[in-house]
Amino acid sequence: MGVFVALGVFVCVSGVWAQEMEPRAYSPSPIGANFMVVALGNSRGGVLFDPTLPITDVNADLDSANIGYARAIRIGRLQGLVAGGVPYVIGTLKGNVSEQAQQIRRSGLADVRVKFSLNLLGTKAMNREEFAKAPKKTIFGVSLTVQAPTGQYDPTKLINLGTNRWSFKPEVGVSVPVGHWFLDAYLGAWFFTNNDQFYTGNSTRQQDPLIVLQGHASYVFKSRAWLAMDAVWYGGGASTVNSNPPSERQSNTRFGVTFAAPLVKGHSLKFALSTGASTRTGTDFNSVLVAWQFMFFDRPPRAQ
């Protein structure tokens, strides 16, 4: 069920991805488990630009669809997870540019993401039989998310679905079981390459690292369904275009809830809601996510 989170992250695009919430991101899975996910999401709300820019009263409405795949793998004695997803986004933005009302609509592919995570302490690589008998332990893990510049991008437009740059997020995380509860905390940072074809195509946009801190408290029911309370803070990420003064640093907080429940064998559903609590610059969205997951195992080799 935790793989929902590893794939749900790929639903977000461009200015939304920093707001992601990932309860149970480092929960273990048996080796050879495969996960297919189809997710639908909507994010709507305000976009707060740096006050030095002549852009005000901006609101966005983004619908997204994502297809993702993940696989639990063995690295020596450790268990890892490789996940990837391709998002398609339809969005409308309205606002004032130099006091003139403007509206734009975009639709197309957003940037593809790939994530690799590895649980270093608290669990080992296990087959299905070992996994079913294993006790719950505190887990310490690490991960690396890579976002590739594959999304729709036009340097003559200021608003795009793709970012035209590479982004990398290393992260460390810990998950502590307490009875029916799991308490999670993660600390990561996004690092960005330059976009050398920013608006008009002859400008360079640079962005400072963006720190992301998450906390989650998840309760697991006897049915194996779970409910999580989520919080995320992200800060930094000031950007500069050419030699102009940098934008204001971000310092934003969000809260949310996530519910995941098993259906028939191998199938699960996840629902997630989140909202902004405080926003300095960037997106201040209310978001909803619905995702379906199908888990299946590799077929054992035939006897000779």
C-alpha atoms as a PDB file:
ATOM      1  CA  MET A   1       0.000   0.000   0.000  1.00  0.00           C
ATOM      2  CA  GLY A   2       2.923   2.358   0.603  1.00  0.00           C
ATOM      3  CA  VAL A   3       3.813   2.275  -3.106  1.00  0.00           C
ATOM      4  CA  PHE A   4       0.710   4.386  -3.764  1.00  0.00           C
ATOM      5  CA  VAL A   5       2.761   7.206  -2.346  1.00  0.00           C
ATOM      6  CA  ALA A   6       5.877   6.516  -4.401  1.00  0.00           C
ATOM      7  CA  LEU A   7       3.776   6.828  -7.554  1.00  0.00           C
ATOM      8  CA  GLY A   8       1.269   9.437  -6.423  1.00  0.00           C
ATOM      9  CA  VAL A   9       4.102  11.956  -6.312  1.00  0.00           C
ATOM     10  CA  PHE A  10       4.218  11.966 -10.099  1.00  0.00           C
ATOM     11  CA  VAL A  11       0.735  13.434 -10.451  1.00  0.00           C
ATOM     12  CA  CYS A  12       1.964  16.949  -9.684  1.00  0.00           C
ATOM     13  CA  VAL A  13       3.551  19.251 -12.240  1.00  0.00           C
ATOM     14  CA  SER A  14       5.824  22.288 -12.407  1.00  0.00           C
ATOM     15  CA  GLY A  15       4.874  24.598  -9.506  1.00  0.00           C
ATOM     16  CA  VAL A  16       2.817  21.908  -7.740  1.00  0.00           C
ATOM     17  CA  TRP A  17       5.364  19.151  -7.121  1.00  0.00           C
ATOM     18  CA  ALA A  18       6.982  20.755  -4.069  1.00  0.00           C
ATOM     19  CA  GLN A  19       3.673  20.347  -2.239  1.00  0.00           C
ATOM     20  CA  GLU A  20       3.653  16.552  -2.497  1.00  0.00           C
ATOM     21  CA  MET A  21       2.832  14.485   0.574  1.00  0.00           C
ATOM     22  CA  GLU A  22       4.075  10.911   0.845  1.00  0.00           C
ATOM     23  CA  PRO A  23       2.898   8.991   3.922  1.00  0.00           C
ATOM     24  CA  ARG A  24       4.510   5.545   4.319  1.00  0.00           C
ATOM     25  CA  ALA A  25       6.973   6.228   1.496  1.00  0.00           C
ATOM     26  CA  TYR A  26       9.571   3.883   3.031  1.00  0.00           C
ATOM     27  CA  SER A  27       7.260   1.008   4.003  1.00  0.00           C
ATOM     28  CA  PRO A  28       8.773  -2.327   2.888  1.00  0.00           C
ATOM     29  CA  SER A  29       7.567  -4.573   0.051  1.00  0.00           C
ATOM     30  CA  PRO A  30       8.439  -8.211  -0.803  1.00  0.00           C
ATOM     31  CA  ILE A  31      11.026  -8.691  -3.538  1.00  0.00           C
ATOM     32  CA  GLY A  32       9.477  -9.317  -6.935  1.00  0.00           C
ATOM     33  CA  ALA A  33       6.361  -7.250  -6.228  1.00  0.00           C
ATOM     34  CA  ASN A  34       5.213  -5.077  -9.135  1.00  0.00           C
ATOM     35  CA  PHE A  35       2.811  -2.149  -8.878  1.00  0.00           C
ATOM     36  CA  MET A  36       0.723  -0.463 -11.556  1.00  0.00           C
ATOM     37  CA  VAL A  37      -1.025   2.800 -10.651  1.00  0.00           C
ATOM     38  CA  VAL A  38      -3.525   5.010 -12.445  1.00  0.00           C
ATOM     39  CA  ALA A  39      -4.147   8.309 -10.655  1.00  0.00           C
ATOM     40  CA  LEU A  40      -6.436  11.273 -11.281  1.00  0.00           C
ATOM     41  CA  GLY A  41      -5.917  14.591  -9.522  1.00  0.00           C
ATOM     42  CA  ASN A  42      -7.140  18.157  -9.379  1.00  0.00           C
ATOM     43  CA  SER A  43      -5.359  21.182  -7.903  1.00  0.00           C
ATOM     44  CA  ARG A  44      -6.926  24.624  -7.814  1.00  0.00           C
ATOM     45  CA  GLY A  45      -6.257  27.885  -6.046  1.00  0.00           C
ATOM     46  CA  GLY A  46      -4.039  30.950  -6.072  1.00  0.00           C
ATOM     47  CA  VAL A  47      -0.534  31.445  -7.435  1.00  0.00           C
ATOM     48  CA  LEU A  48       1.417  34.075  -5.478  1.00  0.00           C
ATOM     49  CA  PHE A  49       4.140  35.722  -7.557  1.00  0.00           C
ATOM     50  CA  ASP A  50       7.001  37.783  -6.226  1.00  0.00           C
ATOM     51  CA  PRO A  51       5.577  41.257  -5.384  1.00  0.00           C
ATOM     52  CA  THR A  52       8.162  42.901  -7.664  1.00  0.00           C
ATOM     53  CA  LEU A  53       6.463  41.336 -10.717  1.00  0.00           C
ATOM     54  CA  PRO A  54       3.418  42.968 -12.392  1.00  0.00           C
ATOM     55  CA  ILE A  55       1.380  39.732 -12.066  1.00  0.00           C
ATOM     56  CA  THR A  56      -1.511  39.652  -9.576  1.00  0.00           C
ATOM     57  CA  ASP A  57      -4.739  37.813  -8.715  1.00  0.00           C
ATOM     58  CA  VAL A  58      -3.642  34.609 -10.461  1.00  0.00           C
ATOM     59  CA  ASN A  59      -5.749  31.479 -10.041  1.00  0.00           C
ATOM     60  CA  ALA A  60      -5.134  28.060 -11.553  1.00  0.00           C
ATOM     61  CA  ASP A  61      -7.230  24.931 -12.117  1.00  0.00           C
ATOM     62  CA  LEU A  62      -5.167  21.848 -13.030  1.00  0.00           C
ATOM     63  CA  ASP A  63      -6.520  18.390 -13.877  1.00  0.00           C
ATOM     64  CA  SER A  64      -3.972  15.582 -14.131  1.00  0.00           C
ATOM     65  CA  ALA A  65      -3.876  11.929 -15.119  1.00  0.00           C
ATOM     66  CA  ASN A  66      -0.888   9.724 -14.396  1.00  0.00           C
ATOM     67  CA  ILE A  67       0.208   6.198 -15.249  1.00  0.00           C
ATOM     68  CA  GLY A  68       2.953   4.800 -13.040  1.00  0.00           C
ATOM     69  CA  TYR A  69       4.889   1.607 -12.417  1.00  0.00           C
ATOM     70  CA  ALA A  70       7.066   0.480  -9.498  1.00  0.00           C
ATOM     71  CA  ARG A  71       9.045  -2.642  -8.658  1.00  0.00           C
ATOM     72  CA  ALA A  72      10.597  -3.886  -5.414  1.00  0.00           C
ATOM     73  CA  ILE A  73      14.200  -4.962  -6.017  1.00  0.00           C
ATOM     74  CA  ARG A  74      17.083  -6.533  -4.115  1.00  0.00           C
ATOM     75  CA  ILE A  75      20.375  -4.656  -3.637  1.00  0.00           C
ATOM     76  CA  GLY A  76      22.599  -7.129  -1.794  1.00  0.00           C
ATOM     77  CA  ARG A  77      20.698  -7.786   1.454  1.00  0.00           C
ATOM     78  CA  LEU A  78      18.717  -4.548   1.205  1.00  0.00           C
ATOM     79  CA  GLN A  79      15.283  -3.844  -0.269  1.00  0.00           C
ATOM     80  CA  GLY A  80      14.874  -1.057  -2.779  1.00  0.00           C
ATOM     81  CA  LEU A  81      12.087   0.326  -4.926  1.00  0.00           C
ATOM     82  CA  VAL A  82      12.231   1.809  -8.416  1.00  0.00           C
ATOM     83  CA  ALA A  83       9.219   3.868  -9.547  1.00  0.00           C
ATOM     84  CA  GLY A  84       8.378   6.035 -12.522  1.00  0.00           C
ATOM     85  CA  GLY A  85       5.389   7.881 -13.899  1.00  0.00           C
ATOM     86  CA  VAL A  86       4.173   9.856 -16.904  1.00  0.00           C
ATOM     87  CA  PRO A  87       1.664  12.694 -16.199  1.00  0.00           C
ATOM     88  CA  TYR A  88      -0.759  14.365 -18.587  1.00  0.00           C
ATOM     89  CA  VAL A  89      -2.154  17.733 -17.497  1.00  0.00           C
ATOM     90  CA  ILE A  90      -4.985  20.032 -18.574  1.00  0.00           C
ATOM     91  CA  GLY A  91      -4.886  23.439 -16.911  1.00  0.00           C
ATOM     92  CA  THR A  92      -6.408  26.924 -17.000  1.00  0.00           C
ATOM     93  CA  LEU A  93      -4.815  30.008 -15.417  1.00  0.00           C
ATOM     94  CA  LYS A  94      -6.461  33.406 -14.956  1.00  0.00           C
ATOM     95  CA  GLY A  95      -4.899  36.627 -13.665  1.00  0.00           C
ATOM     96  CA  ASN A  96      -3.818  40.190 -14.237  1.00  0.00           C
ATOM     97  CA  VAL A  97      -0.627  41.083 -16.090  1.00  0.00           C
ATOM     98  CA  SER A  98       0.151  44.806 -15.823  1.00  0.00           C
ATOM     99  CA  GLU A  99      -3.490  45.282 -14.700  1.00  0.00           C
ATOM    100  CA  GLN A 100      -4.800  43.584 -17.857  1.00  0.00           C
ATOM    101  CA  ALA A 101      -6.959  40.451 -17.358  1.00  0.00           C
ATOM    102  CA  GLN A 102      -5.476  37.400 -19.050  1.00  0.00           C
ATOM    103  CA  GLN A 103      -6.467  33.728 -19.366  1.00  0.00           C
ATOM    104  CA  ILE A 104      -4.506  30.817 -20.796  1.00  0.00           C
ATOM    105  CA  ARG A 105      -5.128  27.100 -21.225  1.00  0.00           C
ATOM    106  CA  ARG A 106      -2.535  24.360 -21.519  1.00  0.00           C
ATOM    107  CA  SER A 107      -2.800  20.617 -22.142  1.00  0.00           C
ATOM    108  CA  GLY A 108      -0.136  18.008 -22.740  1.00  0.00           C
ATOM    109  CA  LEU A 109       2.550  15.907 -21.112  1.00  0.00           C
ATOM    110  CA  ALA A 110       4.346  17.211 -18.027  1.00  0.00           C
ATOM    111  CA  ASP A 111       7.848  16.214 -16.893  1.00  0.00           C
ATOM    112  CA  VAL A 112       8.500  12.522 -16.283  1.00  0.00           C
ATOM    113  CA  ARG A 113       9.813  11.445 -12.887  1.00  0.00           C
ATOM    114  CA  VAL A 114      11.808   8.445 -11.715  1.00  0.00           C
ATOM    115  CA  LYS A 115      12.428   7.616  -8.052  1.00  0.00           C
ATOM    116  CA  PHE A 116      14.809   5.124  -6.456  1.00  0.00           C
ATOM    117  CA  SER A 117      14.572   4.389  -2.737  1.00  0.00           C
ATOM    118  CA  LEU A 118      16.585   2.051  -0.513  1.00  0.00           C
ATOM    119  CA  ASN A 119      15.837   0.951   3.059  1.00  0.00           C
ATOM    120  CA  LEU A 120      19.204   0.894   4.851  1.00  0.00           C
ATOM    121  CA  LEU A 121      18.211  -0.089   8.407  1.00  0.00           C
ATOM    122  CA  GLY A 122      15.312  -1.934  10.031  1.00  0.00           C
ATOM    123  CA  THR A 123      14.431  -4.328   7.218  1.00  0.00           C
ATOM    124  CA  LYS A 124      16.097  -6.539   4.653  1.00  0.00           C
ATOM    125  CA  ALA A 125      15.192  -7.934   1.262  1.00  0.00           C
ATOM    126  CA  MET A 126      12.522 -10.611   1.819  1.00  0.00           C
ATOM    127  CA  ASN A 127      10.460 -12.970  -0.326  1.00  0.00           C
ATOM    128  CA  ARG A 128       6.689 -13.193   0.076  1.00  0.00           C
ATOM    129  CA  GLU A 129       6.822 -15.859   2.813  1.00  0.00           C
ATOM    130  CA  GLU A 130       9.447 -14.028   4.867  1.00  0.00           C
ATOM    131  CA  PHE A 131       7.648 -10.718   4.421  1.00  0.00           C
ATOM    132  CA  ALA A 132       4.360 -12.129   5.779  1.00  0.00           C
ATOM    133  CA  LYS A 133       6.067 -13.230   9.032  1.00  0.00           C
ATOM    134  CA  ALA A 134       8.392 -10.261   9.552  1.00  0.00           C
ATOM    135  CA  PRO A 135       7.804  -8.068  12.645  1.00  0.00           C
ATOM    136  CA  LYS A 136       7.383  -4.309  12.315  1.00  0.00           C
ATOM    137  CA  LYS A 137      10.604  -2.371  12.912  1.00  0.00           C
ATOM    138  CA  THR A 138      11.864   1.187  12.709  1.00  0.00           C
ATOM    139  CA  ILE A 139      13.085   1.820   9.158  1.00  0.00           C
ATOM    140  CA  PHE A 140      15.698   4.303   7.979  1.00  0.00           C
ATOM    141  CA  GLY A 141      15.846   4.868   4.236  1.00  0.00           C
ATOM    142  CA  VAL A 142      17.187   7.126   1.510  1.00  0.00           C
ATOM    143  CA  SER A 143      15.861   8.039  -1.919  1.00  0.00           C
ATOM    144  CA  LEU A 144      16.658  10.008  -5.055  1.00  0.00           C
ATOM    145  CA  THR A 145      13.983  11.488  -7.314  1.00  0.00           C
ATOM    146  CA  VAL A 146      14.910  12.689 -10.809  1.00  0.00           C
ATOM    147  CA  GLN A 147      12.636  14.875 -12.901  1.00  0.00           C
ATOM    148  CA  ALA A 148      13.544  14.949 -16.604  1.00  0.00           C
ATOM    149  CA  PRO A 149      12.746  17.855 -18.984  1.00  0.00           C
ATOM    150  CA  THR A 150      10.300  15.831 -21.103  1.00  0.00           C
ATOM    151  CA  GLY A 151       7.169  17.949 -20.634  1.00  0.00           C
ATOM    152  CA  GLN A 152       5.560  20.311 -23.108  1.00  0.00           C
ATOM    153  CA  TYR A 153       7.647  23.486 -23.301  1.00  0.00           C
ATOM    154  CA  ASP A 154       7.619  26.562 -25.568  1.00  0.00           C
ATOM    155  CA  PRO A 155      10.265  29.234 -24.804  1.00  0.00           C
ATOM    156  CA  THR A 156       7.989  31.918 -26.275  1.00  0.00           C
ATOM    157  CA  LYS A 157       5.439  31.298 -23.478  1.00  0.00           C
ATOM    158  CA  LEU A 158       5.787  32.215 -19.812  1.00  0.00           C
ATOM    159  CA  ILE A 159       3.488  29.420 -18.553  1.00  0.00           C
ATOM    160  CA  ASN A 160       4.423  25.853 -19.524  1.00  0.00           C
ATOM    161  CA  LEU A 161       3.658  22.306 -18.380  1.00  0.00           C
ATOM    162  CA  GLY A 162       7.332  21.332 -18.601  1.00  0.00           C
ATOM    163  CA  THR A 163      10.243  23.053 -16.865  1.00  0.00           C
ATOM    164  CA  ASN A 164      12.968  22.568 -19.529  1.00  0.00           C
ATOM    165  CA  ARG A 165      15.531  21.614 -16.877  1.00  0.00           C
ATOM    166  CA  TRP A 166      16.631  18.646 -14.800  1.00  0.00           C
ATOM    167  CA  SER A 167      15.651  18.457 -11.133  1.00  0.00           C
ATOM    168  CA  PHE A 168      17.033  16.157  -8.419  1.00  0.00           C
ATOM    169  CA  LYS A 169      15.784  15.490  -4.899  1.00  0.00           C
ATOM    170  CA  PRO A 170      17.926  13.406  -2.502  1.00  0.00           C
ATOM    171  CA  GLU A 171      16.068  12.547   0.706  1.00  0.00           C
ATOM    172  CA  VAL A 172      16.452  10.716   4.017  1.00  0.00           C
ATOM    173  CA  GLY A 173      13.467   9.257   5.851  1.00  0.00           C
ATOM    174  CA  VAL A 174      12.549   7.368   9.007  1.00  0.00           C
ATOM    175  CA  SER A 175       9.411   5.348   9.800  1.00  0.00           C
ATOM    176  CA  VAL A 176       8.684   4.328  13.411  1.00  0.00           C
ATOM    177  CA  PRO A 177       5.936   1.762  14.270  1.00  0.00           C
ATOM    178  CA  VAL A 178       4.011   2.458  17.494  1.00  0.00           C
ATOM    179  CA  GLY A 179       1.234  -0.097  17.939  1.00  0.00           C
ATOM    180  CA  HIS A 180      -1.197   0.416  15.055  1.00  0.00           C
ATOM    181  CA  TRP A 181       0.521   3.701  14.176  1.00  0.00           C
ATOM    182  CA  PHE A 182       3.405   4.555  11.858  1.00  0.00           C
ATOM    183  CA  LEU A 183       5.195   7.875  12.456  1.00  0.00           C
ATOM    184  CA  ASP A 184       7.163   9.124   9.439  1.00  0.00           C
ATOM    185  CA  ALA A 185       9.559  12.032   8.943  1.00  0.00           C
ATOM    186  CA  TYR A 186      11.521  12.933   5.781  1.00  0.00           C
ATOM    187  CA  LEU A 187      14.034  15.637   4.937  1.00  0.00           C
ATOM    188  CA  GLY A 188      14.997  16.335   1.335  1.00  0.00           C
ATOM    189  CA  ALA A 189      16.013  19.113  -1.045  1.00  0.00           C
ATOM    190  CA  TRP A 190      15.338  19.831  -4.699  1.00  0.00           C
ATOM    191  CA  PHE A 191      18.316  20.908  -6.804  1.00  0.00           C
ATOM    192  CA  PHE A 192      17.797  22.415 -10.252  1.00  0.00           C
ATOM    193  CA  THR A 193      19.835  22.846 -13.404  1.00  0.00           C
ATOM    194  CA  ASN A 194      19.460  26.106 -15.337  1.00  0.00           C
ATOM    195  CA  ASN A 195      16.761  26.720 -17.915  1.00  0.00           C
ATOM    196  CA  ASP A 196      18.716  28.386 -20.712  1.00  0.00           C
ATOM    197  CA  GLN A 197      15.619  28.913 -22.872  1.00  0.00           C
ATOM    198  CA  PHE A 198      13.446  30.791 -20.443  1.00  0.00           C
ATOM    199  CA  TYR A 199      10.778  33.211 -21.646  1.00  0.00           C
ATOM    200  CA  THR A 200      11.653  34.680 -25.102  1.00  0.00           C
ATOM    201  CA  GLY A 201      14.190  31.878 -25.518  1.00  0.00           C
ATOM    202  CA  ASN A 202      17.299  33.956 -24.815  1.00  0.00           C
ATOM    203  CA  SER A 203      17.073  34.244 -21.015  1.00  0.00           C
ATOM    204  CA  THR A 204      18.535  31.983 -18.334  1.00  0.00           C
ATOM    205  CA  ARG A 205      16.547  31.104 -15.214  1.00  0.00           C
ATOM    206  CA  GLN A 206      18.393  29.816 -12.159  1.00  0.00           C
ATOM    207  CA  GLN A 207      16.808  28.542  -8.940  1.00  0.00           C
ATOM    208  CA  ASP A 208      18.290  27.972  -5.493  1.00  0.00           C
ATOM    209  CA  PRO A 209      17.746  24.617  -3.732  1.00  0.00           C
ATOM    210  CA  LEU A 210      14.286  24.071  -2.239  1.00  0.00           C
ATOM    211  CA  ILE A 211      14.238  22.343   1.177  1.00  0.00           C
ATOM    212  CA  VAL A 212      11.309  19.966   1.849  1.00  0.00           C
ATOM    213  CA  LEU A 213      10.379  18.647   5.322  1.00  0.00           C
ATOM    214  CA  GLN A 214       7.503  16.179   5.774  1.00  0.00           C
ATOM    215  CA  GLY A 215       5.778  14.546   8.765  1.00  0.00           C
ATOM    216  CA  HIS A 216       3.040  11.879   8.794  1.00  0.00           C
ATOM    217  CA  ALA A 217       1.062   9.881  11.365  1.00  0.00           C
ATOM    218  CA  SER A 218      -0.697   6.825   9.894  1.00  0.00           C
ATOM    219  CA  TYR A 219      -3.146   4.484  11.647  1.00  0.00           C
ATOM    220  CA  VAL A 220      -3.514   0.962  10.239  1.00  0.00           C
ATOM    221  CA  PHE A 221      -6.889  -0.792  10.669  1.00  0.00           C
ATOM    222  CA  LYS A 222      -7.415  -4.559  10.992  1.00  0.00           C
ATOM    223  CA  SER A 223      -8.631  -4.611   7.393  1.00  0.00           C
ATOM    224  CA  ARG A 224      -5.144  -3.294   6.356  1.00  0.00           C
ATOM    225  CA  ALA A 225      -6.697   0.020   5.335  1.00  0.00           C
ATOM    226  CA  TRP A 226      -4.846   3.046   6.722  1.00  0.00           C
ATOM    227  CA  LEU A 227      -5.522   6.698   7.389  1.00  0.00           C
ATOM    228  CA  ALA A 228      -2.741   9.299   7.546  1.00  0.00           C
ATOM    229  CA  MET A 229      -2.511  12.880   8.752  1.00  0.00           C
ATOM    230  CA  ASP A 230       0.063  14.741   6.660  1.00  0.00           C
ATOM    231  CA  ALA A 231       2.099  17.953   6.888  1.00  0.00           C
ATOM    232  CA  VAL A 232       4.798  19.413   4.631  1.00  0.00           C
ATOM    233  CA  TRP A 233       6.938  22.561   4.764  1.00  0.00           C
ATOM    234  CA  TYR A 234       9.131  23.752   1.926  1.00  0.00           C
ATOM    235  CA  GLY A 235      11.398  26.778   1.869  1.00  0.00           C
ATOM    236  CA  GLY A 236      14.071  28.490  -0.188  1.00  0.00           C
ATOM    237  CA  GLY A 237      13.967  28.152  -3.964  1.00  0.00           C
ATOM    238  CA  ALA A 238      14.532  31.825  -4.855  1.00  0.00           C
ATOM    239  CA  SER A 239      14.944  32.194  -8.624  1.00  0.00           C
ATOM    240  CA  THR A 240      16.938  34.604 -10.789  1.00  0.00           C
ATOM    241  CA  VAL A 241      16.508  35.484 -14.467  1.00  0.00           C
ATOM    242  CA  ASN A 242      19.729  36.709 -16.087  1.00  0.00           C
ATOM    243  CA  SER A 243      21.223  39.412 -13.851  1.00  0.00           C
ATOM    244  CA  ASN A 244      17.920  40.612 -12.386  1.00  0.00           C
ATOM    245  CA  PRO A 245      17.354  40.620  -8.600  1.00  0.00           C
ATOM    246  CA  PRO A 246      16.289  37.233  -7.181  1.00  0.00           C
ATOM    247  CA  SER A 247      12.668  36.490  -6.364  1.00  0.00           C
ATOM    248  CA  GLU A 248      11.442  36.189  -2.796  1.00  0.00           C
ATOM    249  CA  ARG A 249      12.302  32.919  -1.025  1.00  0.00           C
ATOM    250  CA  GLN A 250       9.474  30.461  -0.470  1.00  0.00           C
ATOM    251  CA  SER A 251       8.303  29.457   3.012  1.00  0.00           C
ATOM    252  CA  ASN A 252       5.073  27.492   2.633  1.00  0.00           C
ATOM    253  CA  THR A 253       3.179  24.964   4.764  1.00  0.00           C
ATOM    254  CA  ARG A 254       0.481  22.444   3.809  1.00  0.00           C
ATOM    255  CA  PHE A 255      -1.690  19.924   5.664  1.00  0.00           C
ATOM    256  CA  GLY A 256      -3.656  16.957   4.376  1.00  0.00           C
ATOM    257  CA  VAL A 257      -5.205  13.549   4.947  1.00  0.00           C
ATOM    258  CA  THR A 258      -4.688  10.307   3.033  1.00  0.00           C
ATOM    259  CA  PHE A 259      -6.829   7.158   3.112  1.00  0.00           C
ATOM    260  CA  ALA A 260      -5.921   3.873   1.395  1.00  0.00           C
ATOM    261  CA  ALA A 261      -7.967   0.665   1.423  1.00  0.00           C
ATOM    262  CA  PRO A 262      -7.577  -2.813  -0.097  1.00  0.00           C
ATOM    263  CA  LEU A 263     -10.271  -4.094  -2.468  1.00  0.00           C
ATOM    264  CA  VAL A 264     -10.223  -7.533  -4.087  1.00  0.00           C
ATOM    265  CA  LYS A 265      -6.927  -9.427  -4.185  1.00  0.00           C
ATOM    266  CA  GLY A 266      -4.127  -7.237  -5.507  1.00  0.00           C
ATOM    267  CA  HIS A 267      -6.286  -4.125  -5.977  1.00  0.00           C
ATOM    268  CA  SER A 268      -6.384  -1.014  -3.788  1.00  0.00           C
ATOM    269  CA  LEU A 269      -7.751   2.517  -3.804  1.00  0.00           C
ATOM    270  CA  LYS A 270      -6.258   5.689  -2.371  1.00  0.00           C
ATOM    271  CA  PHE A 271      -7.842   9.098  -1.663  1.00  0.00           C
ATOM    272  CA  ALA A 272      -5.895  12.201  -0.634  1.00  0.00           C
ATOM    273  CA  LEU A 273      -6.874  15.780   0.231  1.00  0.00           C
ATOM    274  CA  SER A 274      -4.535  18.676   1.038  1.00  0.00           C
ATOM    275  CA  THR A 275      -4.683  22.425   1.488  1.00  0.00           C
ATOM    276  CA  GLY A 276      -2.288  25.311   2.038  1.00  0.00           C
ATOM    277  CA  ALA A 277      -1.927  26.686   5.565  1.00  0.00           C
ATOM    278  CA  SER A 278       0.511  29.510   4.768  1.00  0.00           C
ATOM    279  CA  THR A 279       2.105  30.643   1.504  1.00  0.00           C
ATOM    280  CA  ARG A 280       4.705  33.354   0.878  1.00  0.00           C
ATOM    281  CA  THR A 281       5.241  32.807  -2.862  1.00  0.00           C
ATOM    282  CA  GLY A 282       4.355  29.948  -5.200  1.00  0.00           C
ATOM    283  CA  THR A 283       1.169  27.889  -5.333  1.00  0.00           C
ATOM    284  CA  ASP A 284      -1.551  27.924  -2.679  1.00  0.00           C
ATOM    285  CA  PHE A 285      -3.712  25.045  -3.899  1.00  0.00           C
ATOM    286  CA  ASN A 286      -6.456  22.803  -2.608  1.00  0.00           C
ATOM    287  CA  SER A 287      -5.745  19.371  -4.062  1.00  0.00           C
ATOM    288  CA  VAL A 288      -7.602  16.076  -4.364  1.00  0.00           C
ATOM    289  CA  LEU A 289      -6.217  12.759  -5.618  1.00  0.00           C
ATOM    290  CA  VAL A 290      -7.866   9.413  -6.422  1.00  0.00           C
ATOM    291  CA  ALA A 291      -5.632   6.485  -7.376  1.00  0.00           C
ATOM    292  CA  TRP A 292      -6.101   2.801  -8.232  1.00  0.00           C
ATOM    293  CA  GLN A 293      -3.262   0.349  -7.647  1.00  0.00           C
ATOM    294  CA  PHE A 294      -2.784  -3.211  -8.877  1.00  0.00           C
ATOM    295  CA  MET A 295      -0.045  -5.345  -7.298  1.00  0.00           C
ATOM    296  CA  PHE A 296       1.235  -8.551  -8.889  1.00  0.00           C
ATOM    297  CA  PHE A 297       4.240 -10.837  -8.468  1.00  0.00           C
ATOM    298  CA  ASP A 298       6.680 -12.357 -10.905  1.00  0.00           C
ATOM    299  CA  ARG A 299       5.752 -15.840 -12.022  1.00  0.00           C
ATOM    300  CA  PRO A 300       8.070 -18.523 -10.601  1.00  0.00           C
ATOM    301  CA  PRO A 301      10.201 -20.311 -13.209  1.00  0.00           C
ATOM    302  CA  ARG A 302       8.771 -23.548 -14.595  1.00  0.00           C
ATOM    303  CA  ALA A 303      10.245 -26.788 -13.372  1.00  0.00           C
ATOM    304  CA  GLN A 304      12.591 -28.427 -15.874  1.00  0.00           C
END
